[in-house]
Amino acid sequence: MRKSNFALRLQPSLLDEARRTADEEGVALNQFINVAVAEKLSAIRTESFFRERARRANIPGAIEILKRMGEGNPPGKGDELPDSERLYAVGSGRRKRTAPTGARSTRLPLKGRSG
């Protein structure tokens, strides 16, 4: 592995915090900074990857596929949800939302549907 030197100018408070954290982690400050830069580069590349994937996505096509998922097929053995986790009451006709149990639901309502 090729190594290079780079004069890095940090604010004194940031340098002090980095030294303390590196010490708490039991690593050299140089190693801590290398890992921090690598993590940041990874996060930026990951964001770029998903932005590019989203740009090429066929959203209407994906929604059509999701609408067909499981249509007319009951859950397979072992795939059933416990009653406390079900979002909708099981029955004929239009599905009705059951009263929430436990933790508050984080699901967003579907656009154009009332519920």
PDB file of N, CA and C in Angstrom:
ATOM      1  N   MET A   1       0.848  -1.182   0.000  1.00  0.00           N
ATOM      2  CA  MET A   1       0.000   0.000   0.000  1.00  0.00           C
ATOM      3  C   MET A   1       0.890   1.240   0.000  1.00  0.00           C
ATOM      4  N   ARG A   2       0.606   2.119  -0.914  1.00  0.00           N
ATOM      5  CA  ARG A   2       1.346   3.372  -1.020  1.00  0.00           C
ATOM      6  C   ARG A   2       0.824   4.349   0.026  1.00  0.00           C
ATOM      7  N   LYS A   3       1.730   5.019   0.685  1.00  0.00           N
ATOM      8  CA  LYS A   3       1.343   6.006   1.697  1.00  0.00           C
ATOM      9  C   LYS A   3       1.796   7.372   1.247  1.00  0.00           C
ATOM     10  N   SER A   4       1.053   8.380   1.672  1.00  0.00           N
ATOM     11  CA  SER A   4       1.449   9.751   1.367  1.00  0.00           C
ATOM     12  C   SER A   4       1.172  10.625   2.577  1.00  0.00           C
ATOM     13  N   ASN A   5       1.880  11.711   2.638  1.00  0.00           N
ATOM     14  CA  ASN A   5       1.688  12.672   3.715  1.00  0.00           C
ATOM     15  C   ASN A   5       0.841  13.827   3.211  1.00  0.00           C
ATOM     16  N   PHE A   6       0.011  14.335   4.124  1.00  0.00           N
ATOM     17  CA  PHE A   6      -0.841  15.462   3.775  1.00  0.00           C
ATOM     18  C   PHE A   6      -0.984  16.323   5.021  1.00  0.00           C
ATOM     19  N   ALA A   7      -0.651  17.591   4.907  1.00  0.00           N
ATOM     20  CA  ALA A   7      -0.799  18.513   6.034  1.00  0.00           C
ATOM     21  C   ALA A   7      -2.279  18.859   6.161  1.00  0.00           C
ATOM     22  N   LEU A   8      -2.866  18.437   7.242  1.00  0.00           N
ATOM     23  CA  LEU A   8      -4.303  18.657   7.456  1.00  0.00           C
ATOM     24  C   LEU A   8      -4.488  19.744   8.505  1.00  0.00           C
ATOM     25  N   ARG A   9      -5.228  20.760   8.145  1.00  0.00           N
ATOM     26  CA  ARG A   9      -5.511  21.843   9.088  1.00  0.00           C
ATOM     27  C   ARG A   9      -6.900  21.635   9.665  1.00  0.00           C
ATOM     28  N   LEU A  10      -6.962  21.427  10.963  1.00  0.00           N
ATOM     29  CA  LEU A  10      -8.235  21.238  11.655  1.00  0.00           C
ATOM     30  C   LEU A  10      -8.402  22.335  12.692  1.00  0.00           C
ATOM     31  N   GLN A  11      -9.637  22.684  12.954  1.00  0.00           N
ATOM     32  CA  GLN A  11      -9.906  23.602  14.052  1.00  0.00           C
ATOM     33  C   GLN A  11      -9.440  22.935  15.339  1.00  0.00           C
ATOM     34  N   PRO A  12      -8.872  23.708  16.267  1.00  0.00           N
ATOM     35  CA  PRO A  12      -8.351  23.112  17.499  1.00  0.00           C
ATOM     36  C   PRO A  12      -9.388  22.281  18.254  1.00  0.00           C
ATOM     37  N   SER A  13     -10.626  22.748  18.309  1.00  0.00           N
ATOM     38  CA  SER A  13     -11.646  21.992  19.042  1.00  0.00           C
ATOM     39  C   SER A  13     -11.950  20.664  18.347  1.00  0.00           C
ATOM     40  N   LEU A  14     -11.942  20.661  17.011  1.00  0.00           N
ATOM     41  CA  LEU A  14     -12.184  19.433  16.260  1.00  0.00           C
ATOM     42  C   LEU A  14     -11.024  18.460  16.435  1.00  0.00           C
ATOM     43  N   LEU A  15      -9.804  18.979  16.406  1.00  0.00           N
ATOM     44  CA  LEU A  15      -8.625  18.137  16.603  1.00  0.00           C
ATOM     45  C   LEU A  15      -8.636  17.526  18.009  1.00  0.00           C
ATOM     46  N   ASP A  16      -8.965  18.329  19.018  1.00  0.00           N
ATOM     47  CA  ASP A  16      -9.031  17.811  20.392  1.00  0.00           C
ATOM     48  C   ASP A  16     -10.058  16.691  20.507  1.00  0.00           C
ATOM     49  N   GLU A  17     -11.219  16.888  19.902  1.00  0.00           N
ATOM     50  CA  GLU A  17     -12.275  15.868  19.959  1.00  0.00           C
ATOM     51  C   GLU A  17     -11.846  14.605  19.218  1.00  0.00           C
ATOM     52  N   ALA A  18     -11.186  14.777  18.072  1.00  0.00           N
ATOM     53  CA  ALA A  18     -10.703  13.620  17.317  1.00  0.00           C
ATOM     54  C   ALA A  18      -9.655  12.852  18.120  1.00  0.00           C
ATOM     55  N   ARG A  19      -8.749  13.558  18.769  1.00  0.00           N
ATOM     56  CA  ARG A  19      -7.733  12.897  19.614  1.00  0.00           C
ATOM     57  C   ARG A  19      -8.391  12.123  20.750  1.00  0.00           C
ATOM     58  N   ARG A  20      -9.364  12.754  21.422  1.00  0.00           N
ATOM     59  CA  ARG A  20     -10.055  12.072  22.538  1.00  0.00           C
ATOM     60  C   ARG A  20     -10.767  10.818  22.049  1.00  0.00           C
ATOM     61  N   THR A  21     -11.465  10.937  20.937  1.00  0.00           N
ATOM     62  CA  THR A  21     -12.218   9.801  20.408  1.00  0.00           C
ATOM     63  C   THR A  21     -11.283   8.690  19.956  1.00  0.00           C
ATOM     64  N   ALA A  22     -10.194   9.038  19.287  1.00  0.00           N
ATOM     65  CA  ALA A  22      -9.211   8.028  18.861  1.00  0.00           C
ATOM     66  C   ALA A  22      -8.634   7.317  20.079  1.00  0.00           C
ATOM     67  N   ASP A  23      -8.340   8.080  21.109  1.00  0.00           N
ATOM     68  CA  ASP A  23      -7.811   7.493  22.348  1.00  0.00           C
ATOM     69  C   ASP A  23      -8.826   6.547  22.985  1.00  0.00           C
ATOM     70  N   GLU A  24     -10.094   6.977  23.047  1.00  0.00           N
ATOM     71  CA  GLU A  24     -11.154   6.124  23.614  1.00  0.00           C
ATOM     72  C   GLU A  24     -11.329   4.843  22.801  1.00  0.00           C
ATOM     73  N   GLU A  25     -11.124   4.931  21.478  1.00  0.00           N
ATOM     74  CA  GLU A  25     -11.257   3.768  20.603  1.00  0.00           C
ATOM     75  C   GLU A  25      -9.994   2.910  20.601  1.00  0.00           C
ATOM     76  N   GLY A  26      -8.915   3.437  21.178  1.00  0.00           N
ATOM     77  CA  GLY A  26      -7.665   2.692  21.243  1.00  0.00           C
ATOM     78  C   GLY A  26      -6.931   2.612  19.916  1.00  0.00           C
ATOM     79  N   VAL A  27      -7.061   3.652  19.103  1.00  0.00           N
ATOM     80  CA  VAL A  27      -6.376   3.687  17.805  1.00  0.00           C
ATOM     81  C   VAL A  27      -5.574   4.979  17.706  1.00  0.00           C
ATOM     82  N   ALA A  28      -4.620   4.976  16.792  1.00  0.00           N
ATOM     83  CA  ALA A  28      -3.836   6.186  16.540  1.00  0.00           C
ATOM     84  C   ALA A  28      -4.719   7.224  15.858  1.00  0.00           C
ATOM     85  N   LEU A  29      -4.398   8.483  16.091  1.00  0.00           N
ATOM     86  CA  LEU A  29      -5.162   9.565  15.464  1.00  0.00           C
ATOM     87  C   LEU A  29      -5.137   9.435  13.947  1.00  0.00           C
ATOM     88  N   ASN A  30      -3.985   9.076  13.374  1.00  0.00           N
ATOM     89  CA  ASN A  30      -3.875   8.905  11.931  1.00  0.00           C
ATOM     90  C   ASN A  30      -4.851   7.834  11.430  1.00  0.00           C
ATOM     91  N   GLN A  31      -4.917   6.710  12.147  1.00  0.00           N
ATOM     92  CA  GLN A  31      -5.833   5.636  11.744  1.00  0.00           C
ATOM     93  C   GLN A  31      -7.282   6.095  11.873  1.00  0.00           C
ATOM     94  N   PHE A  32      -7.599   6.807  12.944  1.00  0.00           N
ATOM     95  CA  PHE A  32      -8.958   7.315  13.153  1.00  0.00           C
ATOM     96  C   PHE A  32      -9.375   8.232  11.999  1.00  0.00           C
ATOM     97  N   ILE A  33      -8.483   9.135  11.596  1.00  0.00           N
ATOM     98  CA  ILE A  33      -8.796  10.060  10.504  1.00  0.00           C
ATOM     99  C   ILE A  33      -8.946   9.300   9.194  1.00  0.00           C
ATOM    100  N   ASN A  34      -8.076   8.311   8.933  1.00  0.00           N
ATOM    101  CA  ASN A  34      -8.195   7.499   7.723  1.00  0.00           C
ATOM    102  C   ASN A  34      -9.540   6.796   7.651  1.00  0.00           C
ATOM    103  N   VAL A  35      -9.970   6.211   8.757  1.00  0.00           N
ATOM    104  CA  VAL A  35     -11.256   5.502   8.784  1.00  0.00           C
ATOM    105  C   VAL A  35     -12.407   6.494   8.603  1.00  0.00           C
ATOM    106  N   ALA A  36     -12.314   7.659   9.228  1.00  0.00           N
ATOM    107  CA  ALA A  36     -13.373   8.669   9.096  1.00  0.00           C
ATOM    108  C   ALA A  36     -13.509   9.132   7.644  1.00  0.00           C
ATOM    109  N   VAL A  37     -12.392   9.344   6.967  1.00  0.00           N
ATOM    110  CA  VAL A  37     -12.436   9.762   5.563  1.00  0.00           C
ATOM    111  C   VAL A  37     -13.016   8.636   4.706  1.00  0.00           C
ATOM    112  N   ALA A  38     -12.595   7.392   4.976  1.00  0.00           N
ATOM    113  CA  ALA A  38     -13.114   6.247   4.220  1.00  0.00           C
ATOM    114  C   ALA A  38     -14.622   6.100   4.405  1.00  0.00           C
ATOM    115  N   GLU A  39     -15.106   6.277   5.635  1.00  0.00           N
ATOM    116  CA  GLU A  39     -16.553   6.188   5.896  1.00  0.00           C
ATOM    117  C   GLU A  39     -17.313   7.283   5.150  1.00  0.00           C
ATOM    118  N   LYS A  40     -16.792   8.483   5.145  1.00  0.00           N
ATOM    119  CA  LYS A  40     -17.459   9.588   4.452  1.00  0.00           C
ATOM    120  C   LYS A  40     -17.490   9.341   2.952  1.00  0.00           C
ATOM    121  N   LEU A  41     -16.381   8.873   2.369  1.00  0.00           N
ATOM    122  CA  LEU A  41     -16.354   8.557   0.947  1.00  0.00           C
ATOM    123  C   LEU A  41     -17.354   7.455   0.614  1.00  0.00           C
ATOM    124  N   SER A  42     -17.440   6.467   1.470  1.00  0.00           N
ATOM    125  CA  SER A  42     -18.391   5.379   1.259  1.00  0.00           C
ATOM    126  C   SER A  42     -19.823   5.898   1.277  1.00  0.00           C
ATOM    127  N   ALA A  43     -20.132   6.782   2.206  1.00  0.00           N
ATOM    128  CA  ALA A  43     -21.486   7.344   2.301  1.00  0.00           C
ATOM    129  C   ALA A  43     -21.819   8.159   1.046  1.00  0.00           C
ATOM    130  N   ILE A  44     -20.870   8.929   0.556  1.00  0.00           N
ATOM    131  CA  ILE A  44     -21.102   9.736  -0.647  1.00  0.00           C
ATOM    132  C   ILE A  44     -21.302   8.840  -1.860  1.00  0.00           C
ATOM    133  N   ARG A  45     -20.475   7.813  -1.988  1.00  0.00           N
ATOM    134  CA  ARG A  45     -20.615   6.887  -3.125  1.00  0.00           C
ATOM    135  C   ARG A  45     -21.930   6.130  -3.061  1.00  0.00           C
ATOM    136  N   THR A  46     -22.329   5.731  -1.872  1.00  0.00           N
ATOM    137  CA  THR A  46     -23.595   5.014  -1.715  1.00  0.00           C
ATOM    138  C   THR A  46     -24.758   5.908  -2.113  1.00  0.00           C
ATOM    139  N   GLU A  47     -24.746   7.146  -1.677  1.00  0.00           N
ATOM    140  CA  GLU A  47     -25.806   8.091  -2.050  1.00  0.00           C
ATOM    141  C   GLU A  47     -25.851   8.280  -3.568  1.00  0.00           C
ATOM    142  N   SER A  48     -24.693   8.420  -4.184  1.00  0.00           N
ATOM    143  CA  SER A  48     -24.635   8.582  -5.639  1.00  0.00           C
ATOM    144  C   SER A  48     -25.191   7.352  -6.347  1.00  0.00           C
ATOM    145  N   PHE A  49     -24.849   6.173  -5.846  1.00  0.00           N
ATOM    146  CA  PHE A  49     -25.337   4.930  -6.436  1.00  0.00           C
ATOM    147  C   PHE A  49     -26.863   4.885  -6.420  1.00  0.00           C
ATOM    148  N   PHE A  50     -27.459   5.178  -5.261  1.00  0.00           N
ATOM    149  CA  PHE A  50     -28.916   5.111  -5.155  1.00  0.00           C
ATOM    150  C   PHE A  50     -29.608   6.233  -5.930  1.00  0.00           C
ATOM    151  N   ARG A  51     -28.990   7.399  -6.029  1.00  0.00           N
ATOM    152  CA  ARG A  51     -29.565   8.467  -6.857  1.00  0.00           C
ATOM    153  C   ARG A  51     -29.609   8.037  -8.318  1.00  0.00           C
ATOM    154  N   GLU A  52     -28.529   7.418  -8.792  1.00  0.00           N
ATOM    155  CA  GLU A  52     -28.487   6.945 -10.173  1.00  0.00           C
ATOM    156  C   GLU A  52     -29.518   5.842 -10.392  1.00  0.00           C
ATOM    157  N   ARG A  53     -29.630   4.914  -9.456  1.00  0.00           N
ATOM    158  CA  ARG A  53     -30.625   3.849  -9.579  1.00  0.00           C
ATOM    159  C   ARG A  53     -32.037   4.438  -9.599  1.00  0.00           C
ATOM    160  N   ALA A  54     -32.301   5.410  -8.756  1.00  0.00           N
ATOM    161  CA  ALA A  54     -33.625   6.037  -8.709  1.00  0.00           C
ATOM    162  C   ALA A  54     -33.916   6.780 -10.009  1.00  0.00           C
ATOM    163  N   ARG A  55     -32.904   7.390 -10.594  1.00  0.00           N
ATOM    164  CA  ARG A  55     -33.078   8.111 -11.854  1.00  0.00           C
ATOM    165  C   ARG A  55     -33.512   7.170 -12.971  1.00  0.00           C
ATOM    166  N   ARG A  56     -33.019   5.931 -12.942  1.00  0.00           N
ATOM    167  CA  ARG A  56     -33.350   4.962 -13.986  1.00  0.00           C
ATOM    168  C   ARG A  56     -34.595   4.136 -13.655  1.00  0.00           C
ATOM    169  N   ALA A  57     -35.188   4.361 -12.502  1.00  0.00           N
ATOM    170  CA  ALA A  57     -36.310   3.532 -12.060  1.00  0.00           C
ATOM    171  C   ALA A  57     -37.558   3.767 -12.901  1.00  0.00           C
ATOM    172  N   ASN A  58     -38.334   2.709 -13.037  1.00  0.00           N
ATOM    173  CA  ASN A  58     -39.627   2.787 -13.711  1.00  0.00           C
ATOM    174  C   ASN A  58     -40.689   2.707 -12.608  1.00  0.00           C
ATOM    175  N   ILE A  59     -41.002   3.832 -12.013  1.00  0.00           N
ATOM    176  CA  ILE A  59     -41.900   3.872 -10.863  1.00  0.00           C
ATOM    177  C   ILE A  59     -43.286   3.322 -11.212  1.00  0.00           C
ATOM    178  N   PRO A  60     -43.935   3.758 -12.304  1.00  0.00           N
ATOM    179  CA  PRO A  60     -45.256   3.206 -12.617  1.00  0.00           C
ATOM    180  C   PRO A  60     -45.209   1.683 -12.816  1.00  0.00           C
ATOM    181  N   GLY A  61     -44.160   1.192 -13.464  1.00  0.00           N
ATOM    182  CA  GLY A  61     -44.029  -0.255 -13.661  1.00  0.00           C
ATOM    183  C   GLY A  61     -43.871  -0.989 -12.344  1.00  0.00           C
ATOM    184  N   ALA A  62     -43.084  -0.429 -11.427  1.00  0.00           N
ATOM    185  CA  ALA A  62     -42.890  -1.054 -10.118  1.00  0.00           C
ATOM    186  C   ALA A  62     -44.198  -1.072  -9.328  1.00  0.00           C
ATOM    187  N   ILE A  63     -44.962  -0.004  -9.410  1.00  0.00           N
ATOM    188  CA  ILE A  63     -46.241   0.052  -8.693  1.00  0.00           C
ATOM    189  C   ILE A  63     -47.195  -1.005  -9.243  1.00  0.00           C
ATOM    190  N   GLU A  64     -47.205  -1.178 -10.567  1.00  0.00           N
ATOM    191  CA  GLU A  64     -48.058  -2.219 -11.166  1.00  0.00           C
ATOM    192  C   GLU A  64     -47.668  -3.607 -10.672  1.00  0.00           C
ATOM    193  N   ILE A  65     -46.383  -3.878 -10.581  1.00  0.00           N
ATOM    194  CA  ILE A  65     -45.921  -5.173 -10.071  1.00  0.00           C
ATOM    195  C   ILE A  65     -46.357  -5.348  -8.626  1.00  0.00           C
ATOM    196  N   LEU A  66     -46.204  -4.312  -7.822  1.00  0.00           N
ATOM    197  CA  LEU A  66     -46.590  -4.401  -6.413  1.00  0.00           C
ATOM    198  C   LEU A  66     -48.094  -4.614  -6.249  1.00  0.00           C
ATOM    199  N   LYS A  67     -48.883  -4.031  -7.140  1.00  0.00           N
ATOM    200  CA  LYS A  67     -50.339  -4.220  -7.071  1.00  0.00           C
ATOM    201  C   LYS A  67     -50.716  -5.678  -7.309  1.00  0.00           C
ATOM    202  N   ARG A  68     -49.943  -6.384  -8.144  1.00  0.00           N
ATOM    203  CA  ARG A  68     -50.231  -7.781  -8.454  1.00  0.00           C
ATOM    204  C   ARG A  68     -49.736  -8.753  -7.389  1.00  0.00           C
ATOM    205  N   MET A  69     -48.817  -8.314  -6.553  1.00  0.00           N
ATOM    206  CA  MET A  69     -48.182  -9.209  -5.594  1.00  0.00           C
ATOM    207  C   MET A  69     -49.212  -9.884  -4.689  1.00  0.00           C
ATOM    208  N   GLY A  70     -49.227 -11.189  -4.730  1.00  0.00           N
ATOM    209  CA  GLY A  70     -50.071 -11.952  -3.847  1.00  0.00           C
ATOM    210  C   GLY A  70     -51.544 -11.916  -4.170  1.00  0.00           C
ATOM    211  N   GLU A  71     -51.927 -11.291  -5.281  1.00  0.00           N
ATOM    212  CA  GLU A  71     -53.338 -11.165  -5.616  1.00  0.00           C
ATOM    213  C   GLU A  71     -53.966 -12.548  -5.747  1.00  0.00           C
ATOM    214  N   GLY A  72     -54.956 -12.831  -4.916  1.00  0.00           N
ATOM    215  CA  GLY A  72     -55.657 -14.114  -4.953  1.00  0.00           C
ATOM    216  C   GLY A  72     -54.920 -15.250  -4.270  1.00  0.00           C
ATOM    217  N   ASN A  73     -53.782 -14.988  -3.689  1.00  0.00           N
ATOM    218  CA  ASN A  73     -53.011 -16.028  -3.012  1.00  0.00           C
ATOM    219  C   ASN A  73     -52.948 -15.757  -1.515  1.00  0.00           C
ATOM    220  N   PRO A  74     -53.376 -16.695  -0.686  1.00  0.00           N
ATOM    221  CA  PRO A  74     -53.242 -16.497   0.753  1.00  0.00           C
ATOM    222  C   PRO A  74     -51.766 -16.624   1.142  1.00  0.00           C
ATOM    223  N   PRO A  75     -51.403 -16.154   2.317  1.00  0.00           N
ATOM    224  CA  PRO A  75     -50.010 -16.298   2.753  1.00  0.00           C
ATOM    225  C   PRO A  75     -49.623 -17.774   2.811  1.00  0.00           C
ATOM    226  N   GLY A  76     -48.375 -18.068   2.493  1.00  0.00           N
ATOM    227  CA  GLY A  76     -47.868 -19.428   2.604  1.00  0.00           C
ATOM    228  C   GLY A  76     -47.734 -19.822   4.063  1.00  0.00           C
ATOM    229  N   LYS A  77     -47.590 -21.109   4.310  1.00  0.00           N
ATOM    230  CA  LYS A  77     -47.462 -21.605   5.689  1.00  0.00           C
ATOM    231  C   LYS A  77     -46.249 -20.945   6.346  1.00  0.00           C
ATOM    232  N   GLY A  78     -46.478 -20.368   7.491  1.00  0.00           N
ATOM    233  CA  GLY A  78     -45.430 -19.679   8.225  1.00  0.00           C
ATOM    234  C   GLY A  78     -45.308 -18.198   7.894  1.00  0.00           C
ATOM    235  N   ASP A  79     -46.017 -17.734   6.861  1.00  0.00           N
ATOM    236  CA  ASP A  79     -45.953 -16.321   6.475  1.00  0.00           C
ATOM    237  C   ASP A  79     -47.046 -15.470   7.108  1.00  0.00           C
ATOM    238  N   GLU A  80     -47.938 -16.094   7.849  1.00  0.00           N
ATOM    239  CA  GLU A  80     -49.052 -15.352   8.438  1.00  0.00           C
ATOM    240  C   GLU A  80     -48.527 -14.408   9.513  1.00  0.00           C
ATOM    241  N   LEU A  81     -49.186 -13.258   9.613  1.00  0.00           N
ATOM    242  CA  LEU A  81     -48.848 -12.312  10.679  1.00  0.00           C
ATOM    243  C   LEU A  81     -49.674 -12.627  11.915  1.00  0.00           C
ATOM    244  N   PRO A  82     -49.109 -12.439  13.100  1.00  0.00           N
ATOM    245  CA  PRO A  82     -49.930 -12.574  14.300  1.00  0.00           C
ATOM    246  C   PRO A  82     -51.004 -11.486  14.296  1.00  0.00           C
ATOM    247  N   ASP A  83     -52.127 -11.746  14.935  1.00  0.00           N
ATOM    248  CA  ASP A  83     -53.239 -10.787  14.946  1.00  0.00           C
ATOM    249  C   ASP A  83     -52.791  -9.394  15.391  1.00  0.00           C
ATOM    250  N   SER A  84     -51.873  -9.325  16.344  1.00  0.00           N
ATOM    251  CA  SER A  84     -51.442  -8.022  16.858  1.00  0.00           C
ATOM    252  C   SER A  84     -50.650  -7.218  15.826  1.00  0.00           C
ATOM    253  N   GLU A  85     -50.154  -7.852  14.768  1.00  0.00           N
ATOM    254  CA  GLU A  85     -49.353  -7.168  13.758  1.00  0.00           C
ATOM    255  C   GLU A  85     -50.113  -6.869  12.478  1.00  0.00           C
ATOM    256  N   ARG A  86     -51.323  -7.325  12.340  1.00  0.00           N
ATOM    257  CA  ARG A  86     -52.082  -7.131  11.107  1.00  0.00           C
ATOM    258  C   ARG A  86     -52.563  -5.691  10.976  1.00  0.00           C
ATOM    259  N   LEU A  87     -52.428  -5.144   9.782  1.00  0.00           N
ATOM    260  CA  LEU A  87     -52.907  -3.780   9.536  1.00  0.00           C
ATOM    261  C   LEU A  87     -54.383  -3.772   9.186  1.00  0.00           C
ATOM    262  N   TYR A  88     -54.856  -4.841   8.558  1.00  0.00           N
ATOM    263  CA  TYR A  88     -56.231  -4.888   8.085  1.00  0.00           C
ATOM    264  C   TYR A  88     -56.935  -6.116   8.649  1.00  0.00           C
ATOM    265  N   ALA A  89     -58.206  -5.965   8.948  1.00  0.00           N
ATOM    266  CA  ALA A  89     -58.997  -7.097   9.398  1.00  0.00           C
ATOM    267  C   ALA A  89     -59.216  -8.043   8.217  1.00  0.00           C
ATOM    268  N   VAL A  90     -59.186  -9.335   8.466  1.00  0.00           N
ATOM    269  CA  VAL A  90     -59.397 -10.312   7.410  1.00  0.00           C
ATOM    270  C   VAL A  90     -60.886 -10.527   7.249  1.00  0.00           C
ATOM    271  N   GLY A  91     -61.378 -10.504   6.036  1.00  0.00           N
ATOM    272  CA  GLY A  91     -62.794 -10.710   5.780  1.00  0.00           C
ATOM    273  C   GLY A  91     -63.111 -10.426   4.336  1.00  0.00           C
ATOM    274  N   SER A  92     -64.349 -10.607   3.975  1.00  0.00           N
ATOM    275  CA  SER A  92     -64.728 -10.365   2.582  1.00  0.00           C
ATOM    276  C   SER A  92     -65.027  -8.892   2.372  1.00  0.00           C
ATOM    277  N   GLY A  93     -65.055  -8.491   1.113  1.00  0.00           N
ATOM    278  CA  GLY A  93     -65.367  -7.102   0.785  1.00  0.00           C
ATOM    279  C   GLY A  93     -64.174  -6.201   0.980  1.00  0.00           C
ATOM    280  N   ARG A  94     -64.441  -4.925   1.113  1.00  0.00           N
ATOM    281  CA  ARG A  94     -63.373  -3.950   1.264  1.00  0.00           C
ATOM    282  C   ARG A  94     -62.665  -4.143   2.596  1.00  0.00           C
ATOM    283  N   ARG A  95     -61.361  -4.028   2.550  1.00  0.00           N
ATOM    284  CA  ARG A  95     -60.592  -4.179   3.788  1.00  0.00           C
ATOM    285  C   ARG A  95     -60.795  -2.970   4.674  1.00  0.00           C
ATOM    286  N   LYS A  96     -60.931  -3.208   5.938  1.00  0.00           N
ATOM    287  CA  LYS A  96     -61.078  -2.123   6.899  1.00  0.00           C
ATOM    288  C   LYS A  96     -59.874  -2.135   7.822  1.00  0.00           C
ATOM    289  N   ARG A  97     -59.384  -0.982   8.110  1.00  0.00           N
ATOM    290  CA  ARG A  97     -58.219  -0.874   8.973  1.00  0.00           C
ATOM    291  C   ARG A  97     -58.608  -1.217  10.409  1.00  0.00           C
ATOM    292  N   THR A  98     -57.780  -2.046  11.043  1.00  0.00           N
ATOM    293  CA  THR A  98     -58.037  -2.401  12.433  1.00  0.00           C
ATOM    294  C   THR A  98     -57.461  -1.342  13.337  1.00  0.00           C
ATOM    295  N   ALA A  99     -57.887  -1.334  14.569  1.00  0.00           N
ATOM    296  CA  ALA A  99     -57.363  -0.379  15.532  1.00  0.00           C
ATOM    297  C   ALA A  99     -55.898  -0.699  15.785  1.00  0.00           C
ATOM    298  N   PRO A 100     -55.037   0.307  15.844  1.00  0.00           N
ATOM    299  CA  PRO A 100     -53.620   0.040  16.074  1.00  0.00           C
ATOM    300  C   PRO A 100     -53.395  -0.534  17.468  1.00  0.00           C
ATOM    301  N   THR A 101     -52.419  -1.417  17.539  1.00  0.00           N
ATOM    302  CA  THR A 101     -52.041  -1.984  18.828  1.00  0.00           C
ATOM    303  C   THR A 101     -50.562  -1.763  19.016  1.00  0.00           C
ATOM    304  N   GLY A 102     -50.136  -1.598  20.236  1.00  0.00           N
ATOM    305  CA  GLY A 102     -48.709  -1.462  20.516  1.00  0.00           C
ATOM    306  C   GLY A 102     -48.161  -0.138  20.020  1.00  0.00           C
ATOM    307  N   ALA A 103     -46.987  -0.233  19.381  1.00  0.00           N
ATOM    308  CA  ALA A 103     -46.287   0.967  18.923  1.00  0.00           C
ATOM    309  C   ALA A 103     -47.062   1.664  17.809  1.00  0.00           C
ATOM    310  N   ARG A 104     -46.855   2.944  17.706  1.00  0.00           N
ATOM    311  CA  ARG A 104     -47.512   3.753  16.688  1.00  0.00           C
ATOM    312  C   ARG A 104     -46.992   3.367  15.305  1.00  0.00           C
ATOM    313  N   SER A 105     -47.876   3.253  14.357  1.00  0.00           N
ATOM    314  CA  SER A 105     -47.500   2.862  13.005  1.00  0.00           C
ATOM    315  C   SER A 105     -46.751   3.994  12.321  1.00  0.00           C
ATOM    316  N   THR A 106     -45.706   3.637  11.536  1.00  0.00           N
ATOM    317  CA  THR A 106     -44.945   4.634  10.793  1.00  0.00           C
ATOM    318  C   THR A 106     -45.294   4.602   9.318  1.00  0.00           C
ATOM    319  N   ARG A 107     -46.293   3.819   8.927  1.00  0.00           N
ATOM    320  CA  ARG A 107     -46.659   3.707   7.521  1.00  0.00           C
ATOM    321  C   ARG A 107     -47.425   4.948   7.076  1.00  0.00           C
ATOM    322  N   LEU A 108     -47.125   5.396   5.868  1.00  0.00           N
ATOM    323  CA  LEU A 108     -47.796   6.554   5.311  1.00  0.00           C
ATOM    324  C   LEU A 108     -49.001   6.121   4.509  1.00  0.00           C
ATOM    325  N   PRO A 109     -50.059   6.916   4.480  1.00  0.00           N
ATOM    326  CA  PRO A 109     -51.231   6.539   3.670  1.00  0.00           C
ATOM    327  C   PRO A 109     -50.898   6.605   2.202  1.00  0.00           C
ATOM    328  N   LEU A 110     -51.549   5.732   1.421  1.00  0.00           N
ATOM    329  CA  LEU A 110     -51.334   5.747  -0.022  1.00  0.00           C
ATOM    330  C   LEU A 110     -52.033   6.941  -0.628  1.00  0.00           C
ATOM    331  N   LYS A 111     -51.399   7.559  -1.599  1.00  0.00           N
ATOM    332  CA  LYS A 111     -51.945   8.747  -2.251  1.00  0.00           C
ATOM    333  C   LYS A 111     -53.265   8.408  -2.949  1.00  0.00           C
ATOM    334  N   GLY A 112     -54.264   9.204  -2.745  1.00  0.00           N
ATOM    335  CA  GLY A 112     -55.540   9.029  -3.429  1.00  0.00           C
ATOM    336  C   GLY A 112     -56.459   7.986  -2.811  1.00  0.00           C
ATOM    337  N   ARG A 113     -56.056   7.414  -1.677  1.00  0.00           N
ATOM    338  CA  ARG A 113     -56.917   6.422  -1.028  1.00  0.00           C
ATOM    339  C   ARG A 113     -57.295   6.913   0.348  1.00  0.00           C
ATOM    340  N   SER A 114     -58.512   6.699   0.704  1.00  0.00           N
ATOM    341  CA  SER A 114     -58.939   7.067   2.050  1.00  0.00           C
ATOM    342  C   SER A 114     -58.966   5.796   2.870  1.00  0.00           C
ATOM    343  N   GLY A 115     -58.822   5.924   4.166  1.00  0.00           N
ATOM    344  CA  GLY A 115     -58.770   4.679   4.868  1.00  0.00           C
ATOM    345  C   GLY A 115     -59.196   4.723   6.254  1.00  0.00           C
TER     346      GLY A 115
END
